[in-house]
C-alpha atoms as a PDB file:
ATOM      1  CA  MET A   1       0.000   0.000   0.000  1.00  0.00           C
ATOM      2  CA  THR A   2       2.783   2.490   0.856  1.00  0.00           C
ATOM      3  CA  GLU A   3       4.040   2.411  -2.711  1.00  0.00           C
ATOM      4  CA  THR A   4       0.663   3.743  -3.870  1.00  0.00           C
ATOM      5  CA  ILE A   5       0.915   6.847  -1.673  1.00  0.00           C
ATOM      6  CA  SER A   6       2.721   9.652  -3.463  1.00  0.00           C
ATOM      7  CA  ILE A   7       4.872  11.510  -0.905  1.00  0.00           C
ATOM      8  CA  THR A   8       6.327  14.971  -1.517  1.00  0.00           C
ATOM      9  CA  ARG A   9       8.349  16.174   1.444  1.00  0.00           C
ATOM     10  CA  THR A  10       8.585  19.795   2.460  1.00  0.00           C
ATOM     11  CA  LYS A  11      11.848  21.487   1.506  1.00  0.00           C
ATOM     12  CA  LYS A  12      12.181  23.096   4.927  1.00  0.00           C
ATOM     13  CA  SER A  13      10.384  22.208   8.148  1.00  0.00           C
ATOM     14  CA  LYS A  14       8.782  25.022  10.128  1.00  0.00           C
ATOM     15  CA  ILE A  15       8.969  23.102  13.417  1.00  0.00           C
ATOM     16  CA  ASP A  16      11.771  25.335  14.750  1.00  0.00           C
ATOM     17  CA  GLN A  17       9.396  28.312  14.578  1.00  0.00           C
ATOM     18  CA  VAL A  18       6.868  26.696  16.924  1.00  0.00           C
ATOM     19  CA  ASP A  19       6.724  27.374  20.665  1.00  0.00           C
ATOM     20  CA  PHE A  20       5.469  24.006  21.897  1.00  0.00           C
ATOM     21  CA  ASP A  21       5.049  25.361  25.431  1.00  0.00           C
ATOM     22  CA  ASN A  22       2.478  27.924  24.308  1.00  0.00           C
ATOM     23  CA  LEU A  23       0.106  26.398  21.782  1.00  0.00           C
ATOM     24  CA  ALA A  24      -3.366  27.740  21.133  1.00  0.00           C
ATOM     25  CA  PHE A  25      -5.453  24.705  20.237  1.00  0.00           C
ATOM     26  CA  GLY A  26      -5.890  24.113  16.512  1.00  0.00           C
ATOM     27  CA  THR A  27      -3.966  27.151  15.254  1.00  0.00           C
ATOM     28  CA  VAL A  28      -0.506  25.717  14.448  1.00  0.00           C
ATOM     29  CA  PHE A  29      -0.192  22.984  11.810  1.00  0.00           C
ATOM     30  CA  SER A  30       2.556  20.527  10.971  1.00  0.00           C
ATOM     31  CA  ASP A  31       4.612  20.318   7.792  1.00  0.00           C
ATOM     32  CA  HIS A  32       2.543  17.880   5.717  1.00  0.00           C
ATOM     33  CA  MET A  33      -1.037  16.965   4.880  1.00  0.00           C
ATOM     34  CA  PHE A  34      -2.754  13.963   3.330  1.00  0.00           C
ATOM     35  CA  ILE A  35      -4.921  14.426   0.222  1.00  0.00           C
ATOM     36  CA  CYS A  36      -7.006  12.005  -1.815  1.00  0.00           C
ATOM     37  CA  ASP A  37      -9.454  13.064  -4.527  1.00  0.00           C
ATOM     38  CA  TYR A  38     -12.610  11.291  -5.664  1.00  0.00           C
ATOM     39  CA  LYS A  39     -13.563  11.598  -9.325  1.00  0.00           C
ATOM     40  CA  ASP A  40     -15.022   9.446 -12.096  1.00  0.00           C
ATOM     41  CA  GLY A  41     -16.640   7.262  -9.453  1.00  0.00           C
ATOM     42  CA  GLU A  42     -13.497   6.233  -7.554  1.00  0.00           C
ATOM     43  CA  TRP A  43     -10.839   7.432  -5.167  1.00  0.00           C
ATOM     44  CA  GLN A  44      -7.578   8.386  -6.861  1.00  0.00           C
ATOM     45  CA  THR A  45      -3.957   7.906  -5.755  1.00  0.00           C
ATOM     46  CA  PRO A  46      -3.473   9.273  -2.205  1.00  0.00           C
ATOM     47  CA  GLU A  47      -0.826  11.937  -1.693  1.00  0.00           C
ATOM     48  CA  ILE A  48       1.114  13.424   1.185  1.00  0.00           C
ATOM     49  CA  VAL A  49       2.259  16.936   0.332  1.00  0.00           C
ATOM     50  CA  PRO A  50       3.590  20.010   2.156  1.00  0.00           C
ATOM     51  CA  TYR A  51       0.894  21.768   4.189  1.00  0.00           C
ATOM     52  CA  GLY A  52      -0.381  24.851   2.441  1.00  0.00           C
ATOM     53  CA  PRO A  53      -3.277  26.676   0.782  1.00  0.00           C
ATOM     54  CA  MET A  54      -5.367  25.061  -1.948  1.00  0.00           C
ATOM     55  CA  GLU A  55      -7.296  26.541  -4.848  1.00  0.00           C
ATOM     56  CA  PHE A  56     -10.990  25.810  -5.434  1.00  0.00           C
ATOM     57  CA  ASP A  57     -13.485  27.160  -7.903  1.00  0.00           C
ATOM     58  CA  PRO A  58     -15.970  29.615  -6.304  1.00  0.00           C
ATOM     59  CA  SER A  59     -18.776  27.297  -7.436  1.00  0.00           C
ATOM     60  CA  ALA A  60     -17.398  24.258  -5.578  1.00  0.00           C
ATOM     61  CA  LYS A  61     -20.430  22.627  -3.993  1.00  0.00           C
ATOM     62  CA  VAL A  62     -19.006  22.598  -0.480  1.00  0.00           C
ATOM     63  CA  PHE A  63     -19.459  26.376  -0.432  1.00  0.00           C
ATOM     64  CA  HIS A  64     -23.084  26.246  -1.506  1.00  0.00           C
ATOM     65  CA  TYR A  65     -24.641  23.068  -0.128  1.00  0.00           C
ATOM     66  CA  GLY A  66     -22.413  22.251   2.820  1.00  0.00           C
ATOM     67  CA  GLN A  67     -21.333  18.737   1.910  1.00  0.00           C
ATOM     68  CA  ALA A  68     -18.538  18.499   4.482  1.00  0.00           C
ATOM     69  CA  VAL A  69     -17.808  16.022   7.291  1.00  0.00           C
ATOM     70  CA  PHE A  70     -14.870  15.667   9.654  1.00  0.00           C
ATOM     71  CA  GLU A  71     -13.316  13.751  12.525  1.00  0.00           C
ATOM     72  CA  GLY A  72     -11.118  14.570  15.506  1.00  0.00           C
ATOM     73  CA  MET A  73      -8.316  12.195  16.553  1.00  0.00           C
ATOM     74  CA  LYS A  74      -5.063  12.335  18.500  1.00  0.00           C
ATOM     75  CA  ALA A  75      -1.647  10.698  18.251  1.00  0.00           C
ATOM     76  CA  TYR A  76       0.656  10.270  21.261  1.00  0.00           C
ATOM     77  CA  LYS A  77       4.352   9.465  21.717  1.00  0.00           C
ATOM     78  CA  ASP A  78       5.572   7.419  24.679  1.00  0.00           C
ATOM     79  CA  GLU A  79       8.951   7.606  26.397  1.00  0.00           C
ATOM     80  CA  ASP A  80      10.339   4.970  24.020  1.00  0.00           C
ATOM     81  CA  GLY A  81       9.432   7.078  20.993  1.00  0.00           C
ATOM     82  CA  LYS A  82       6.583   4.811  19.910  1.00  0.00           C
ATOM     83  CA  ILE A  83       3.558   6.498  18.346  1.00  0.00           C
ATOM     84  CA  TRP A  84       0.063   5.534  19.465  1.00  0.00           C
ATOM     85  CA  MET A  85      -3.474   6.368  18.457  1.00  0.00           C
ATOM     86  CA  PHE A  86      -6.687   5.849  20.387  1.00  0.00           C
ATOM     87  CA  ARG A  87      -9.430   3.738  18.804  1.00  0.00           C
ATOM     88  CA  PRO A  88      -8.920   5.038  15.230  1.00  0.00           C
ATOM     89  CA  ASP A  89     -11.210   2.293  13.920  1.00  0.00           C
ATOM     90  CA  GLN A  90     -14.102   4.139  15.551  1.00  0.00           C
ATOM     91  CA  ASN A  91     -13.220   7.381  13.766  1.00  0.00           C
ATOM     92  CA  PHE A  92     -12.914   5.560  10.452  1.00  0.00           C
ATOM     93  CA  GLU A  93     -16.338   3.986  10.846  1.00  0.00           C
ATOM     94  CA  ARG A  94     -17.916   7.269  11.918  1.00  0.00           C
ATOM     95  CA  ILE A  95     -16.541   9.438   9.116  1.00  0.00           C
ATOM     96  CA  ASN A  96     -17.989   6.997   6.600  1.00  0.00           C
ATOM     97  CA  LYS A  97     -21.279   6.936   8.510  1.00  0.00           C
ATOM     98  CA  SER A  98     -21.324  10.741   8.413  1.00  0.00           C
ATOM     99  CA  SER A  99     -20.445  10.714   4.719  1.00  0.00           C
ATOM    100  CA  GLU A 100     -23.267   8.313   3.894  1.00  0.00           C
ATOM    101  CA  ARG A 101     -25.807  10.612   5.580  1.00  0.00           C
ATOM    102  CA  LEU A 102     -24.631  13.505   3.391  1.00  0.00           C
ATOM    103  CA  ALA A 103     -24.652  11.388   0.195  1.00  0.00           C
ATOM    104  CA  MET A 104     -20.853  11.308   0.031  1.00  0.00           C
ATOM    105  CA  PRO A 105     -18.760   8.251  -0.948  1.00  0.00           C
ATOM    106  CA  ALA A 106     -17.154   6.024   1.684  1.00  0.00           C
ATOM    107  CA  PHE A 107     -13.390   6.297   2.011  1.00  0.00           C
ATOM    108  CA  PRO A 108     -11.350   3.051   1.684  1.00  0.00           C
ATOM    109  CA  GLU A 109     -10.107   1.567   4.948  1.00  0.00           C
ATOM    110  CA  GLU A 110      -6.600   0.850   3.626  1.00  0.00           C
ATOM    111  CA  PHE A 111      -6.186   4.440   2.406  1.00  0.00           C
ATOM    112  CA  PHE A 112      -7.321   5.775   5.789  1.00  0.00           C
ATOM    113  CA  PHE A 113      -5.012   3.725   8.006  1.00  0.00           C
ATOM    114  CA  GLU A 114      -1.987   3.673   5.730  1.00  0.00           C
ATOM    115  CA  GLY A 115      -2.379   7.377   5.039  1.00  0.00           C
ATOM    116  CA  ILE A 116      -2.480   8.214   8.747  1.00  0.00           C
ATOM    117  CA  SER A 117       0.486   5.946   9.476  1.00  0.00           C
ATOM    118  CA  GLU A 118       2.668   7.436   6.747  1.00  0.00           C
ATOM    119  CA  LEU A 119       1.670  10.968   7.714  1.00  0.00           C
ATOM    120  CA  LEU A 120       2.458  10.391  11.396  1.00  0.00           C
ATOM    121  CA  LYS A 121       5.821   8.822  10.598  1.00  0.00           C
ATOM    122  CA  LEU A 122       6.686  11.939   8.601  1.00  0.00           C
ATOM    123  CA  GLU A 123       5.483  14.205  11.425  1.00  0.00           C
ATOM    124  CA  LYS A 124       6.913  12.191  14.346  1.00  0.00           C
ATOM    125  CA  ASP A 125       8.975  15.147  15.601  1.00  0.00           C
ATOM    126  CA  TRP A 126       5.757  17.155  15.955  1.00  0.00           C
ATOM    127  CA  ILE A 127       4.482  14.671  18.548  1.00  0.00           C
ATOM    128  CA  LYS A 128       5.985  15.487  21.935  1.00  0.00           C
ATOM    129  CA  THR A 129       6.190  13.030  24.809  1.00  0.00           C
ATOM    130  CA  GLY A 130       4.286  13.627  28.032  1.00  0.00           C
ATOM    131  CA  ILE A 131       0.727  12.875  29.077  1.00  0.00           C
ATOM    132  CA  GLU A 132      -0.519  16.362  28.230  1.00  0.00           C
ATOM    133  CA  ASN A 133       1.022  16.460  24.740  1.00  0.00           C
ATOM    134  CA  SER A 134      -0.439  15.082  21.530  1.00  0.00           C
ATOM    135  CA  LEU A 135      -0.796  15.675  17.820  1.00  0.00           C
ATOM    136  CA  TYR A 136      -4.398  16.428  16.934  1.00  0.00           C
ATOM    137  CA  LEU A 137      -5.504  14.995  13.594  1.00  0.00           C
ATOM    138  CA  ARG A 138      -8.365  16.418  11.585  1.00  0.00           C
ATOM    139  CA  PRO A 139      -9.567  14.115   8.781  1.00  0.00           C
ATOM    140  CA  PHE A 140     -12.280  15.755   6.661  1.00  0.00           C
ATOM    141  CA  VAL A 141     -14.087  15.438   3.350  1.00  0.00           C
ATOM    142  CA  ILE A 142     -15.431  18.257   1.191  1.00  0.00           C
ATOM    143  CA  ALA A 143     -17.439  18.413  -2.037  1.00  0.00           C
ATOM    144  CA  THR A 144     -15.320  19.850  -4.866  1.00  0.00           C
ATOM    145  CA  GLU A 145     -17.478  19.609  -8.007  1.00  0.00           C
ATOM    146  CA  ASN A 146     -17.989  22.958  -9.707  1.00  0.00           C
ATOM    147  CA  GLY A 147     -21.587  24.087 -10.175  1.00  0.00           C
ATOM    148  CA  VAL A 148     -24.469  25.438  -8.135  1.00  0.00           C
ATOM    149  CA  SER A 149     -27.145  22.905  -9.018  1.00  0.00           C
ATOM    150  CA  ALA A 150     -28.765  21.581  -5.846  1.00  0.00           C
ATOM    151  CA  SER A 151     -27.536  17.992  -6.037  1.00  0.00           C
ATOM    152  CA  PRO A 152     -24.780  15.867  -4.491  1.00  0.00           C
ATOM    153  CA  SER A 153     -21.300  16.513  -5.796  1.00  0.00           C
ATOM    154  CA  ASN A 154     -19.624  14.106  -8.217  1.00  0.00           C
ATOM    155  CA  SER A 155     -16.152  14.901  -6.869  1.00  0.00           C
ATOM    156  CA  TYR A 156     -14.703  15.149  -3.353  1.00  0.00           C
ATOM    157  CA  ARG A 157     -11.442  15.683  -1.502  1.00  0.00           C
ATOM    158  CA  PHE A 158     -10.480  13.685   1.590  1.00  0.00           C
ATOM    159  CA  MET A 159      -7.765  15.325   3.702  1.00  0.00           C
ATOM    160  CA  ILE A 160      -5.919  14.964   6.994  1.00  0.00           C
ATOM    161  CA  ILE A 161      -4.157  17.882   8.645  1.00  0.00           C
ATOM    162  CA  CYS A 162      -2.263  17.806  11.971  1.00  0.00           C
ATOM    163  CA  ALA A 163      -1.955  20.296  14.817  1.00  0.00           C
ATOM    164  CA  PRO A 164       0.306  19.858  17.879  1.00  0.00           C
ATOM    165  CA  ALA A 165      -1.732  20.157  21.066  1.00  0.00           C
ATOM    166  CA  GLN A 166      -1.187  20.539  24.787  1.00  0.00           C
ATOM    167  CA  ALA A 167      -3.570  20.154  27.709  1.00  0.00           C
ATOM    168  CA  TYR A 168      -6.918  21.655  26.762  1.00  0.00           C
ATOM    169  CA  TYR A 169      -7.644  24.037  29.602  1.00  0.00           C
ATOM    170  CA  SER A 170     -10.584  26.359  29.297  1.00  0.00           C
ATOM    171  CA  GLY A 171     -10.926  27.473  32.900  1.00  0.00           C
ATOM    172  CA  GLU A 172     -14.173  27.119  34.790  1.00  0.00           C
ATOM    173  CA  VAL A 173     -17.021  26.375  32.419  1.00  0.00           C
ATOM    174  CA  ARG A 174     -20.596  27.386  33.121  1.00  0.00           C
ATOM    175  CA  VAL A 175     -23.377  26.276  30.846  1.00  0.00           C
ATOM    176  CA  VAL A 176     -26.987  27.130  30.178  1.00  0.00           C
ATOM    177  CA  PHE A 177     -29.688  24.553  29.480  1.00  0.00           C
ATOM    178  CA  ALA A 178     -31.256  25.326  26.101  1.00  0.00           C
ATOM    179  CA  ASP A 179     -34.971  26.074  26.101  1.00  0.00           C
ATOM    180  CA  THR A 180     -35.389  27.727  22.691  1.00  0.00           C
ATOM    181  CA  TYR A 181     -32.715  26.681  20.202  1.00  0.00           C
ATOM    182  CA  SER A 182     -31.926  23.100  19.197  1.00  0.00           C
ATOM    183  CA  ARG A 183     -28.765  21.376  18.037  1.00  0.00           C
ATOM    184  CA  SER A 184     -30.543  18.668  16.031  1.00  0.00           C
ATOM    185  CA  ALA A 185     -33.878  16.997  15.428  1.00  0.00           C
ATOM    186  CA  ASP A 186     -35.273  13.528  14.806  1.00  0.00           C
ATOM    187  CA  GLY A 187     -34.438  12.319  11.326  1.00  0.00           C
ATOM    188  CA  GLY A 188     -31.728  14.962  10.922  1.00  0.00           C
ATOM    189  CA  VAL A 189     -27.940  14.864  10.850  1.00  0.00           C
ATOM    190  CA  GLY A 190     -27.199  15.323  14.557  1.00  0.00           C
ATOM    191  CA  PHE A 191     -25.420  11.960  14.778  1.00  0.00           C
ATOM    192  CA  ALA A 192     -23.052  12.919  11.937  1.00  0.00           C
ATOM    193  CA  LYS A 193     -19.956  15.071  12.298  1.00  0.00           C
ATOM    194  CA  ALA A 194     -21.260  17.382   9.613  1.00  0.00           C
ATOM    195  CA  ALA A 195     -19.739  20.854   9.421  1.00  0.00           C
ATOM    196  CA  GLY A 196     -23.149  22.519   9.366  1.00  0.00           C
ATOM    197  CA  ASN A 197     -24.064  21.068  12.766  1.00  0.00           C
ATOM    198  CA  TYR A 198     -21.358  23.160  14.355  1.00  0.00           C
ATOM    199  CA  ALA A 199     -22.056  26.342  12.404  1.00  0.00           C
ATOM    200  CA  ALA A 200     -25.679  26.193  13.583  1.00  0.00           C
ATOM    201  CA  GLN A 201     -24.539  26.144  17.226  1.00  0.00           C
ATOM    202  CA  PHE A 202     -22.489  29.318  17.044  1.00  0.00           C
ATOM    203  CA  TYR A 203     -25.351  31.841  17.268  1.00  0.00           C
ATOM    204  CA  PRO A 204     -27.132  30.415  20.359  1.00  0.00           C
ATOM    205  CA  THR A 205     -23.731  29.870  21.984  1.00  0.00           C
ATOM    206  CA  GLU A 206     -22.883  33.526  21.420  1.00  0.00           C
ATOM    207  CA  LEU A 207     -26.184  34.489  23.059  1.00  0.00           C
ATOM    208  CA  ALA A 208     -25.254  32.291  26.035  1.00  0.00           C
ATOM    209  CA  LYS A 209     -21.833  33.935  26.293  1.00  0.00           C
ATOM    210  CA  LYS A 210     -23.466  37.374  26.525  1.00  0.00           C
ATOM    211  CA  LYS A 211     -25.262  36.100  29.627  1.00  0.00           C
ATOM    212  CA  GLY A 212     -22.021  34.886  31.213  1.00  0.00           C
ATOM    213  CA  TYR A 213     -22.064  31.223  30.164  1.00  0.00           C
ATOM    214  CA  GLN A 214     -19.384  29.533  28.056  1.00  0.00           C
ATOM    215  CA  GLN A 215     -21.451  26.759  26.515  1.00  0.00           C
ATOM    216  CA  VAL A 216     -24.951  25.405  25.962  1.00  0.00           C
ATOM    217  CA  ILE A 217     -26.297  22.018  27.026  1.00  0.00           C
ATOM    218  CA  TRP A 218     -28.677  21.199  24.217  1.00  0.00           C
ATOM    219  CA  THR A 219     -32.128  19.785  24.805  1.00  0.00           C
ATOM    220  CA  ASP A 220     -34.417  17.778  22.541  1.00  0.00           C
ATOM    221  CA  ALA A 221     -36.015  19.766  19.731  1.00  0.00           C
ATOM    222  CA  LYS A 222     -39.597  18.609  20.420  1.00  0.00           C
ATOM    223  CA  SER A 223     -40.109  19.637  24.024  1.00  0.00           C
ATOM    224  CA  HIS A 224     -36.763  20.895  25.407  1.00  0.00           C
ATOM    225  CA  GLU A 225     -37.393  18.531  28.320  1.00  0.00           C
ATOM    226  CA  TYR A 226     -34.390  16.223  27.875  1.00  0.00           C
ATOM    227  CA  LEU A 227     -30.681  17.046  28.076  1.00  0.00           C
ATOM    228  CA  GLU A 228     -28.587  15.687  25.220  1.00  0.00           C
ATOM    229  CA  GLU A 229     -25.164  17.245  24.486  1.00  0.00           C
ATOM    230  CA  ALA A 230     -22.873  19.909  25.950  1.00  0.00           C
ATOM    231  CA  GLY A 231     -21.624  22.339  23.323  1.00  0.00           C
ATOM    232  CA  THR A 232     -19.740  20.124  20.881  1.00  0.00           C
ATOM    233  CA  MET A 233     -19.308  17.323  23.418  1.00  0.00           C
ATOM    234  CA  ASN A 234     -21.301  14.459  24.872  1.00  0.00           C
ATOM    235  CA  VAL A 235     -22.392  15.167  28.447  1.00  0.00           C
ATOM    236  CA  PHE A 236     -22.440  13.161  31.695  1.00  0.00           C
ATOM    237  CA  PHE A 237     -24.274  13.847  34.961  1.00  0.00           C
ATOM    238  CA  ARG A 238     -23.321  12.375  38.336  1.00  0.00           C
ATOM    239  CA  VAL A 239     -26.348  12.071  40.600  1.00  0.00           C
ATOM    240  CA  GLY A 240     -25.344  10.564  43.908  1.00  0.00           C
ATOM    241  CA  ASP A 241     -22.815   7.909  42.906  1.00  0.00           C
ATOM    242  CA  THR A 242     -24.440   7.137  39.552  1.00  0.00           C
ATOM    243  CA  LEU A 243     -23.119   8.416  36.235  1.00  0.00           C
ATOM    244  CA  ILE A 244     -25.895   9.169  33.729  1.00  0.00           C
ATOM    245  CA  THR A 245     -25.682  10.014  30.027  1.00  0.00           C
ATOM    246  CA  ALA A 246     -28.199  10.188  27.212  1.00  0.00           C
ATOM    247  CA  PRO A 247     -28.388   7.318  24.696  1.00  0.00           C
ATOM    248  CA  THR A 248     -27.110   7.919  21.195  1.00  0.00           C
ATOM    249  CA  SER A 249     -29.692   8.467  18.480  1.00  0.00           C
ATOM    250  CA  ASP A 250     -29.978  10.273  15.167  1.00  0.00           C
ATOM    251  CA  ARG A 251     -29.768  13.478  17.243  1.00  0.00           C
ATOM    252  CA  ILE A 252     -26.712  12.637  19.360  1.00  0.00           C
ATOM    253  CA  LEU A 253     -23.135  11.985  18.285  1.00  0.00           C
ATOM    254  CA  ASP A 254     -21.752   8.522  19.038  1.00  0.00           C
ATOM    255  CA  GLY A 255     -18.652   9.930  20.700  1.00  0.00           C
ATOM    256  CA  VAL A 256     -15.513   7.810  20.940  1.00  0.00           C
ATOM    257  CA  THR A 257     -14.581   9.399  24.276  1.00  0.00           C
ATOM    258  CA  ARG A 258     -18.174   8.935  25.488  1.00  0.00           C
ATOM    259  CA  LYS A 259     -18.264   5.201  24.854  1.00  0.00           C
ATOM    260  CA  SER A 260     -14.768   4.816  26.333  1.00  0.00           C
ATOM    261  CA  ILE A 261     -15.781   6.614  29.531  1.00  0.00           C
ATOM    262  CA  ILE A 262     -18.806   4.350  29.913  1.00  0.00           C
ATOM    263  CA  GLU A 263     -16.659   1.208  29.623  1.00  0.00           C
ATOM    264  CA  LEU A 264     -13.904   2.598  31.840  1.00  0.00           C
ATOM    265  CA  ALA A 265     -16.324   3.751  34.549  1.00  0.00           C
ATOM    266  CA  GLU A 266     -18.087   0.384  34.623  1.00  0.00           C
ATOM    267  CA  SER A 267     -14.726  -1.396  34.893  1.00  0.00           C
ATOM    268  CA  LYS A 268     -13.985   0.751  37.988  1.00  0.00           C
ATOM    269  CA  GLY A 269     -17.231  -0.281  39.643  1.00  0.00           C
ATOM    270  CA  ILE A 270     -19.037   2.995  38.941  1.00  0.00           C
ATOM    271  CA  LYS A 271     -22.725   2.566  38.199  1.00  0.00           C
ATOM    272  CA  VAL A 272     -23.560   3.957  34.749  1.00  0.00           C
ATOM    273  CA  GLU A 273     -27.037   4.549  33.360  1.00  0.00           C
ATOM    274  CA  VAL A 274     -27.537   5.255  29.648  1.00  0.00           C
ATOM    275  CA  ARG A 275     -31.044   6.686  29.407  1.00  0.00           C
ATOM    276  CA  PRO A 276     -32.959   9.911  28.727  1.00  0.00           C
ATOM    277  CA  VAL A 277     -31.994  12.622  31.233  1.00  0.00           C
ATOM    278  CA  SER A 278     -34.710  15.179  31.941  1.00  0.00           C
ATOM    279  CA  VAL A 279     -34.172  18.826  32.809  1.00  0.00           C
ATOM    280  CA  ALA A 280     -36.614  18.371  35.713  1.00  0.00           C
ATOM    281  CA  GLU A 281     -34.565  15.476  37.120  1.00  0.00           C
ATOM    282  CA  ILE A 282     -31.315  17.440  37.092  1.00  0.00           C
ATOM    283  CA  LEU A 283     -32.943  20.549  38.563  1.00  0.00           C
ATOM    284  CA  LYS A 284     -34.383  18.437  41.385  1.00  0.00           C
ATOM    285  CA  ALA A 285     -30.990  16.793  42.022  1.00  0.00           C
ATOM    286  CA  ALA A 286     -29.261  20.187  42.037  1.00  0.00           C
ATOM    287  CA  ARG A 287     -31.726  21.582  44.581  1.00  0.00           C
ATOM    288  CA  SER A 288     -31.433  18.553  46.845  1.00  0.00           C
ATOM    289  CA  GLY A 289     -27.639  18.403  46.670  1.00  0.00           C
ATOM    290  CA  ASP A 290     -27.640  15.025  44.921  1.00  0.00           C
ATOM    291  CA  LEU A 291     -26.147  16.475  41.724  1.00  0.00           C
ATOM    292  CA  LYS A 292     -22.397  16.098  42.252  1.00  0.00           C
ATOM    293  CA  GLU A 293     -20.906  16.622  38.787  1.00  0.00           C
ATOM    294  CA  ILE A 294     -21.578  17.497  35.175  1.00  0.00           C
ATOM    295  CA  PHE A 295     -18.852  17.088  32.569  1.00  0.00           C
ATOM    296  CA  GLY A 296     -18.470  17.098  28.818  1.00  0.00           C
ATOM    297  CA  ALA A 297     -16.552  14.394  26.941  1.00  0.00           C
ATOM    298  CA  GLY A 298     -14.770  14.736  23.609  1.00  0.00           C
ATOM    299  CA  THR A 299     -11.462  14.296  21.816  1.00  0.00           C
ATOM    300  CA  ALA A 300     -10.047  17.794  22.318  1.00  0.00           C
ATOM    301  CA  ALA A 301     -10.432  18.096  26.094  1.00  0.00           C
ATOM    302  CA  THR A 302     -11.049  14.408  26.901  1.00  0.00           C
ATOM    303  CA  ILE A 303     -13.190  15.453  29.894  1.00  0.00           C
ATOM    304  CA  ASN A 304     -14.244  19.032  30.596  1.00  0.00           C
ATOM    305  CA  PRO A 305     -15.750  19.582  34.088  1.00  0.00           C
ATOM    306  CA  ILE A 306     -18.643  22.027  34.388  1.00  0.00           C
ATOM    307  CA  ALA A 307     -18.637  24.355  37.398  1.00  0.00           C
ATOM    308  CA  GLY A 308     -22.249  25.492  37.243  1.00  0.00           C
ATOM    309  CA  PHE A 309     -25.309  25.837  35.060  1.00  0.00           C
ATOM    310  CA  GLY A 310     -28.270  28.090  34.429  1.00  0.00           C
ATOM    311  CA  TYR A 311     -31.852  27.369  33.436  1.00  0.00           C
ATOM    312  CA  LYS A 312     -34.302  30.152  32.683  1.00  0.00           C
ATOM    313  CA  GLU A 313     -33.898  32.537  35.648  1.00  0.00           C
ATOM    314  CA  ASP A 314     -32.070  30.161  38.008  1.00  0.00           C
ATOM    315  CA  ASP A 315     -28.353  29.484  38.444  1.00  0.00           C
ATOM    316  CA  PHE A 316     -26.739  26.536  40.204  1.00  0.00           C
ATOM    317  CA  GLU A 317     -23.166  25.957  41.379  1.00  0.00           C
ATOM    318  CA  LEU A 318     -21.755  22.438  41.522  1.00  0.00           C
ATOM    319  CA  PRO A 319     -19.652  21.277  44.485  1.00  0.00           C
ATOM    320  CA  LYS A 320     -15.879  21.325  44.158  1.00  0.00           C
ATOM    321  CA  LEU A 321     -14.849  17.713  44.726  1.00  0.00           C
ATOM    322  CA  GLU A 322     -11.294  16.624  45.519  1.00  0.00           C
ATOM    323  CA  ASP A 323     -11.775  13.154  44.041  1.00  0.00           C
ATOM    324  CA  SER A 324     -14.319  13.686  41.293  1.00  0.00           C
ATOM    325  CA  TYR A 325     -15.361  11.086  38.748  1.00  0.00           C
ATOM    326  CA  ALA A 326     -14.277  13.572  36.060  1.00  0.00           C
ATOM    327  CA  SER A 327     -10.701  13.895  37.321  1.00  0.00           C
ATOM    328  CA  ARG A 328     -10.387  10.186  38.068  1.00  0.00           C
ATOM    329  CA  LEU A 329     -11.694   9.024  34.684  1.00  0.00           C
ATOM    330  CA  LYS A 330      -9.725  11.653  32.777  1.00  0.00           C
ATOM    331  CA  LYS A 331      -6.472  10.571  34.419  1.00  0.00           C
ATOM    332  CA  ASP A 332      -7.125   6.889  33.736  1.00  0.00           C
ATOM    333  CA  LEU A 333      -8.154   7.491  30.141  1.00  0.00           C
ATOM    334  CA  LYS A 334      -5.196   9.740  29.331  1.00  0.00           C
ATOM    335  CA  GLU A 335      -2.754   7.234  30.819  1.00  0.00           C
ATOM    336  CA  ILE A 336      -4.134   4.544  28.522  1.00  0.00           C
ATOM    337  CA  GLN A 337      -3.939   6.876  25.532  1.00  0.00           C
ATOM    338  CA  ALA A 338      -0.317   7.842  26.221  1.00  0.00           C
ATOM    339  CA  ASN A 339       0.828   4.244  26.932  1.00  0.00           C
ATOM    340  CA  LEU A 340       1.438   5.029  30.589  1.00  0.00           C
ATOM    341  CA  ALA A 341      -0.924   2.344  31.856  1.00  0.00           C
ATOM    342  CA  GLU A 342      -2.182  -1.078  30.870  1.00  0.00           C
ATOM    343  CA  ASP A 343      -4.816  -1.162  28.136  1.00  0.00           C
ATOM    344  CA  PRO A 344      -7.190  -3.992  29.083  1.00  0.00           C
ATOM    345  CA  PHE A 345      -9.698  -2.841  26.453  1.00  0.00           C
ATOM    346  CA  GLY A 346      -7.380  -3.055  23.425  1.00  0.00           C
ATOM    347  CA  TRP A 347      -7.993   0.593  22.552  1.00  0.00           C
ATOM    348  CA  ARG A 348      -4.425   1.628  21.681  1.00  0.00           C
ATOM    349  CA  TYR A 349      -3.261   1.409  18.081  1.00  0.00           C
ATOM    350  CA  GLU A 350       0.487   1.469  17.456  1.00  0.00           C
ATOM    351  CA  VAL A 351       1.688   3.315  14.367  1.00  0.00           C
ATOM    352  CA  LYS A 352       4.502   1.272  12.838  1.00  0.00           C
END
């Protein structure tokens, strides 16, 4: 397979210009990127080329009809210099599931894994050791056919770009429970990592920020009675000693971190319930003191604790726990990801 990937190395690396101790997430990119075009009904020869701008016709369908999906992944380097990924098979399956929902062609498995492996071997110096360091990978697919007819594109570009990342700290996060706007609806594309899902969140999130909140916990579109996702992350609630999260559906993303937390928590003897979570239930638990934690789960931050939340005219602060489920599960998960602990689940994937 490697002989079918065309590799053009950069003439001069820009790694010496990067301050790895002060990285703003997703703003600095490595030297190379992976590209594979789809035309005439099939995927063409994959390429790895120097990272840089690309030229597209103004009528490219991605600009007009939003055919675009993406993934978020991370690569880690252990103290022996080995490179690891975390459950990349799940990302591969999900990007093709997202693509299918947007009438886009599936990407070949061998191209995906060999492309990532070759790209990471080229960019190995961009992956720093240490539990808080990683190389964030952004695979994505866009529609490239020229023309503004309202129909699926006949041509696409699959790409992977890489950004070195440190610990994802965002300070104390306070959220508001949505009671007007919705992230997704039954029969829609909420389960897909479609670019438009995220664009649609920006406006209500900006409204929340003006009221002093950093994020929105989305509720169901029909009644706004059930809590579903936190910003761009899956969300967990700890009531008493039980961890509760909403089930996946065509409205809720099947998060890789989410499903890993569920398995990890259960292996630690923590009771986990996957079921609808009502606003009324969480309000009642907050008022009684039974609500101990809320946290978001996703690739970028792994686990993002929530300090407090608002609903309509009421605000609630969550207790500050020394040994929270969030901190405990985050530590355990990150140690597995960085090859600092045993991996009884078989989640790590070595890049060779």
